[in-house]
Amino acid sequence: MIHQFILAAPKPGMTAQEFQDYWVNVHAVRYAAKIPQIRKYMVDTVVDIEGNLGSPALPHQGIAEIWLANGEEQLASLQTDEFLNGARLDEPNWAAFWLTIVVDTTAHEIVPGPGPGRDRDWVKLTVLMKRRPGLDLDDYRKRSLDGYASEVRDVPGLRRYLHAHTVDGAYVFGEAAFDSVEQLWFDDVEALQQALSSPHFTERVKAARDEITDPKYVFSLAAKENWIIGPEAR
């Protein structure tokens, strides 16, 4: 299954709150959710924290997470009337579409949680990562799930951990913008902030991350989940 991440930013003149409200309550429900090939769909609304990775900071205020069965269904979804005359036409009403980042991935659950739930009020950190220059892609993928992941899984307060590799198709015509996306779940913003400032994260996780990534292309956002379709697939 393809786990797609779509990072979006507010159109000029729209506040972050207006942007998030429109995405969750209007665009997601009236348009995107009607695309028949989408199996599950979530909108992560960004929350402010200290210690986000990346400079300059990402301008995005939300992340769509979309699950599709395979590449064939993904292609078919982009040809539907619900997408062409619905979701895509609505984008300029709320999103600065020229800033949108899309990453298609295959996910690996490193630390299983209790299972996704609509009633869970956790906060999660989403991190976009690009491998360091000279590191082979296959080697990066292996090391990201071995030595690096073993350090992340010991972050204090971590409830669930997912590391998702960018699909092979993103490299057909060159390099993908990012090689993986990882997500770390915590009880609340306070628990996330404590984890980010912990010696384990600032020393051991950072050291392991620097061995496999290019620090110039590592960015993070914290967010809360809003299920539109799911957590069970339709």
Protein backbone atom coordinates (compact mmCIF):
# COMPACT_ATOMS: atom_id res chain seq x y z
CA MET A 1 0.00 0.00 0.00
CA ILE A 2 1.18 3.53 -0.79
CA HIS A 3 1.32 5.90 2.17
CA GLN A 4 1.32 9.38 0.67
CA PHE A 5 2.24 12.58 2.48
CA ILE A 6 1.10 15.95 1.09
CA LEU A 7 2.41 19.05 2.89
CA ALA A 8 0.42 22.21 2.17
CA ALA A 9 0.68 25.88 3.15
CA PRO A 10 -2.00 28.59 3.42
CA LYS A 11 -2.68 30.79 0.42
CA PRO A 12 -1.60 34.44 0.90
CA GLY A 13 -3.92 36.32 3.24
CA MET A 14 -5.26 33.23 4.99
CA THR A 15 -4.31 32.54 8.61
CA ALA A 16 -3.09 29.15 9.74
CA GLN A 17 -6.32 28.55 11.65
CA GLU A 18 -8.51 29.50 8.68
CA PHE A 19 -6.42 27.25 6.46
CA GLN A 20 -6.67 24.27 8.79
CA ASP A 21 -10.41 24.74 9.38
CA TYR A 22 -11.11 24.90 5.64
CA TRP A 23 -8.96 21.85 4.88
CA VAL A 24 -10.48 19.64 7.58
CA ASN A 25 -14.10 20.76 7.39
CA VAL A 26 -14.56 21.75 3.75
CA HIS A 27 -11.95 20.51 1.27
CA ALA A 28 -11.38 17.11 2.88
CA VAL A 29 -15.07 16.31 3.32
CA ARG A 30 -16.61 17.85 0.19
CA TYR A 31 -13.89 16.98 -2.30
CA ALA A 32 -10.89 14.80 -1.42
CA ALA A 33 -12.85 12.16 0.50
CA LYS A 34 -15.03 11.54 -2.54
CA ILE A 35 -12.12 10.23 -4.64
CA PRO A 36 -13.03 6.52 -4.72
CA GLN A 37 -9.50 5.09 -4.79
CA ILE A 38 -8.50 6.68 -1.47
CA ARG A 39 -8.64 3.90 1.14
CA LYS A 40 -7.82 6.03 4.20
CA TYR A 41 -7.38 9.78 4.60
CA MET A 42 -6.16 11.95 7.45
CA VAL A 43 -5.32 15.64 7.81
CA ASP A 44 -2.59 16.52 10.31
CA THR A 45 -2.98 20.09 11.55
CA VAL A 46 0.31 21.65 12.61
CA VAL A 47 0.87 22.80 16.18
CA ASP A 48 3.61 25.17 17.31
CA ILE A 49 6.55 23.70 19.19
CA GLU A 50 10.13 24.65 19.94
CA GLY A 51 12.92 22.69 18.34
CA ASN A 52 11.60 21.90 14.88
CA LEU A 53 14.31 20.70 12.52
CA GLY A 54 15.24 22.62 9.38
CA SER A 55 16.30 26.12 8.44
CA PRO A 56 14.44 27.99 7.20
CA ALA A 57 11.45 26.45 8.92
CA LEU A 58 8.82 24.84 6.72
CA PRO A 59 5.87 27.17 5.96
CA HIS A 60 3.37 24.31 5.80
CA GLN A 61 0.48 24.21 8.26
CA GLY A 62 -0.93 20.80 7.49
CA ILE A 63 -0.15 17.36 6.12
CA ALA A 64 -2.56 15.11 4.27
CA GLU A 65 -1.90 11.41 4.75
CA ILE A 66 -3.50 9.29 2.05
CA TRP A 67 -3.43 5.51 1.70
CA LEU A 68 -3.88 3.95 -1.75
CA ALA A 69 -3.74 0.26 -2.66
CA ASN A 70 -1.05 0.58 -5.35
CA GLY A 71 0.35 2.70 -8.14
CA GLU A 72 -2.40 1.75 -10.56
CA GLU A 73 -5.12 2.99 -8.22
CA GLN A 74 -3.11 6.13 -7.51
CA LEU A 75 -2.92 6.92 -11.23
CA ALA A 76 -6.61 6.17 -11.62
CA SER A 77 -7.46 8.55 -8.76
CA LEU A 78 -5.79 11.43 -10.62
CA GLN A 79 -8.04 10.83 -13.61
CA THR A 80 -11.36 10.80 -11.77
CA ASP A 81 -13.95 13.53 -12.05
CA GLU A 82 -13.85 13.83 -8.25
CA PHE A 83 -10.20 14.87 -8.48
CA LEU A 84 -10.12 16.85 -11.73
CA ASN A 85 -13.34 18.81 -11.21
CA GLY A 86 -13.43 18.65 -7.43
CA ALA A 87 -10.34 18.45 -5.24
CA ARG A 88 -7.90 19.99 -7.70
CA LEU A 89 -10.16 22.90 -8.64
CA ASP A 90 -10.70 23.68 -4.96
CA GLU A 91 -6.98 23.89 -4.08
CA PRO A 92 -6.49 27.59 -4.97
CA ASN A 93 -9.29 28.50 -2.54
CA TRP A 94 -7.13 27.66 0.47
CA ALA A 95 -3.64 26.41 -0.43
CA ALA A 96 -0.48 28.00 -1.79
CA PHE A 97 -0.23 25.10 -4.23
CA TRP A 98 3.22 26.17 -5.48
CA LEU A 99 4.64 25.28 -2.05
CA THR A 100 3.08 21.82 -1.88
CA ILE A 101 5.39 18.87 -1.16
CA VAL A 102 4.28 15.33 -2.07
CA VAL A 103 6.12 12.18 -0.95
CA ASP A 104 4.86 8.69 -1.81
CA THR A 105 6.21 6.05 0.54
CA THR A 106 6.19 2.46 1.73
CA ALA A 107 5.84 2.48 5.52
CA HIS A 108 7.63 0.39 8.14
CA GLU A 109 6.23 0.35 11.67
CA ILE A 110 9.21 0.24 14.05
CA VAL A 111 7.41 0.77 17.36
CA PRO A 112 3.81 -0.48 17.18
CA GLY A 113 1.20 1.61 18.94
CA PRO A 114 -2.18 0.44 20.17
CA GLY A 115 -3.54 1.03 16.68
CA PRO A 116 -4.89 4.22 15.09
CA GLY A 117 -7.99 5.66 16.73
CA ARG A 118 -10.20 8.68 16.22
CA ASP A 119 -10.48 9.27 19.95
CA ARG A 120 -6.74 9.40 20.62
CA ASP A 121 -5.41 12.92 21.20
CA TRP A 122 -1.72 12.19 20.64
CA VAL A 123 0.72 14.61 19.05
CA LYS A 124 3.17 13.39 16.42
CA LEU A 125 6.35 14.67 14.87
CA THR A 126 6.72 14.18 11.10
CA VAL A 127 10.29 14.37 9.79
CA LEU A 128 11.34 14.61 6.13
CA MET A 129 14.83 13.29 5.45
CA LYS A 130 17.32 13.25 2.58
CA ARG A 131 20.32 10.92 2.65
CA ARG A 132 23.81 12.37 2.87
CA PRO A 133 25.74 12.86 -0.39
CA GLY A 134 27.57 9.74 -1.51
CA LEU A 135 25.38 7.32 0.46
CA ASP A 136 23.79 4.64 -1.72
CA LEU A 137 19.99 4.57 -1.56
CA ASP A 138 19.79 0.88 -0.65
CA ASP A 139 22.39 1.43 2.08
CA TYR A 140 20.43 4.42 3.40
CA ARG A 141 17.24 2.41 3.56
CA LYS A 142 18.93 -0.42 5.42
CA ARG A 143 20.71 1.82 7.89
CA SER A 144 17.62 3.93 8.52
CA LEU A 145 15.79 0.82 9.73
CA ASP A 146 18.73 -0.64 11.65
CA GLY A 147 21.18 1.52 13.60
CA TYR A 148 19.30 4.78 13.27
CA ALA A 149 15.88 3.36 14.10
CA SER A 150 17.29 1.56 17.14
CA GLU A 151 18.24 4.94 18.59
CA VAL A 152 14.91 6.58 17.77
CA ARG A 153 12.89 3.78 19.34
CA ASP A 154 14.47 4.57 22.71
CA VAL A 155 13.39 8.24 22.71
CA PRO A 156 11.72 8.92 26.08
CA GLY A 157 7.93 9.07 25.96
CA LEU A 158 7.70 7.58 22.44
CA ARG A 159 4.35 5.82 21.88
CA ARG A 160 4.62 4.77 18.24
CA TYR A 161 7.25 5.07 15.51
CA LEU A 162 6.92 4.79 11.73
CA HIS A 163 9.69 5.10 9.15
CA ALA A 164 8.51 5.28 5.53
CA HIS A 165 10.79 5.02 2.50
CA THR A 166 10.11 6.96 -0.69
CA VAL A 167 8.86 4.62 -3.43
CA ASP A 168 11.21 3.51 -6.22
CA GLY A 169 9.12 5.31 -8.84
CA ALA A 170 10.22 8.67 -7.46
CA TYR A 171 13.76 8.01 -8.76
CA VAL A 172 12.92 7.09 -12.36
CA PHE A 173 13.89 10.51 -13.76
CA GLY A 174 16.44 11.57 -11.12
CA GLU A 175 16.68 12.12 -7.40
CA ALA A 176 13.65 12.35 -5.16
CA ALA A 177 13.42 15.47 -2.99
CA PHE A 178 13.32 13.31 0.16
CA ASP A 179 14.28 9.69 0.73
CA SER A 180 12.07 8.97 3.72
CA VAL A 181 9.47 10.32 6.10
CA GLU A 182 9.36 9.28 9.73
CA GLN A 183 6.68 9.85 12.36
CA LEU A 184 7.00 9.78 16.15
CA TRP A 185 3.92 9.81 18.41
CA PHE A 186 3.71 11.22 21.95
CA ASP A 187 0.98 11.70 24.56
CA ASP A 188 0.88 15.49 24.15
CA VAL A 189 2.90 18.56 23.20
CA GLU A 190 4.66 18.63 26.57
CA ALA A 191 5.84 15.03 26.16
CA LEU A 192 7.07 15.81 22.65
CA GLN A 193 8.97 18.90 23.82
CA GLN A 194 10.58 16.92 26.63
CA ALA A 195 11.66 14.24 24.18
CA LEU A 196 13.17 16.75 21.74
CA SER A 197 15.21 18.37 24.52
CA SER A 198 16.31 15.09 26.09
CA PRO A 199 20.01 14.12 25.96
CA HIS A 200 19.06 10.94 24.13
CA PHE A 201 17.46 12.89 21.28
CA THR A 202 19.92 15.79 21.10
CA GLU A 203 22.97 13.53 21.30
CA ARG A 204 22.35 9.92 20.31
CA VAL A 205 19.51 10.37 17.80
CA LYS A 206 21.15 13.40 16.23
CA ALA A 207 24.47 11.60 15.88
CA ALA A 208 22.81 8.59 14.28
CA ARG A 209 20.76 10.82 11.96
CA ASP A 210 23.82 12.81 10.89
CA GLU A 211 25.54 9.59 9.83
CA ILE A 212 22.94 8.90 7.15
CA THR A 213 21.28 12.23 6.27
CA ASP A 214 22.20 15.61 4.85
CA PRO A 215 21.41 18.04 7.73
CA LYS A 216 20.49 20.74 5.19
CA TYR A 217 17.55 18.62 4.06
CA VAL A 218 16.00 17.40 7.30
CA PHE A 219 12.76 19.15 8.31
CA SER A 220 10.09 18.47 10.91
CA LEU A 221 6.57 19.53 11.85
CA ALA A 222 4.46 18.63 14.88
CA ALA A 223 0.74 18.04 14.38
CA LYS A 224 -2.50 16.57 15.64
CA GLU A 225 -4.48 14.03 13.65
CA ASN A 226 -7.91 14.52 12.08
CA TRP A 227 -9.31 11.35 10.51
CA ILE A 228 -11.48 11.91 7.46
CA ILE A 229 -11.64 8.29 6.21
CA GLY A 230 -10.50 5.73 8.74
CA PRO A 231 -8.80 4.51 10.76
CA GLU A 232 -10.28 1.43 9.11
CA ALA A 233 -9.81 1.33 5.35
CA ARG A 234 -12.97 1.64 3.26
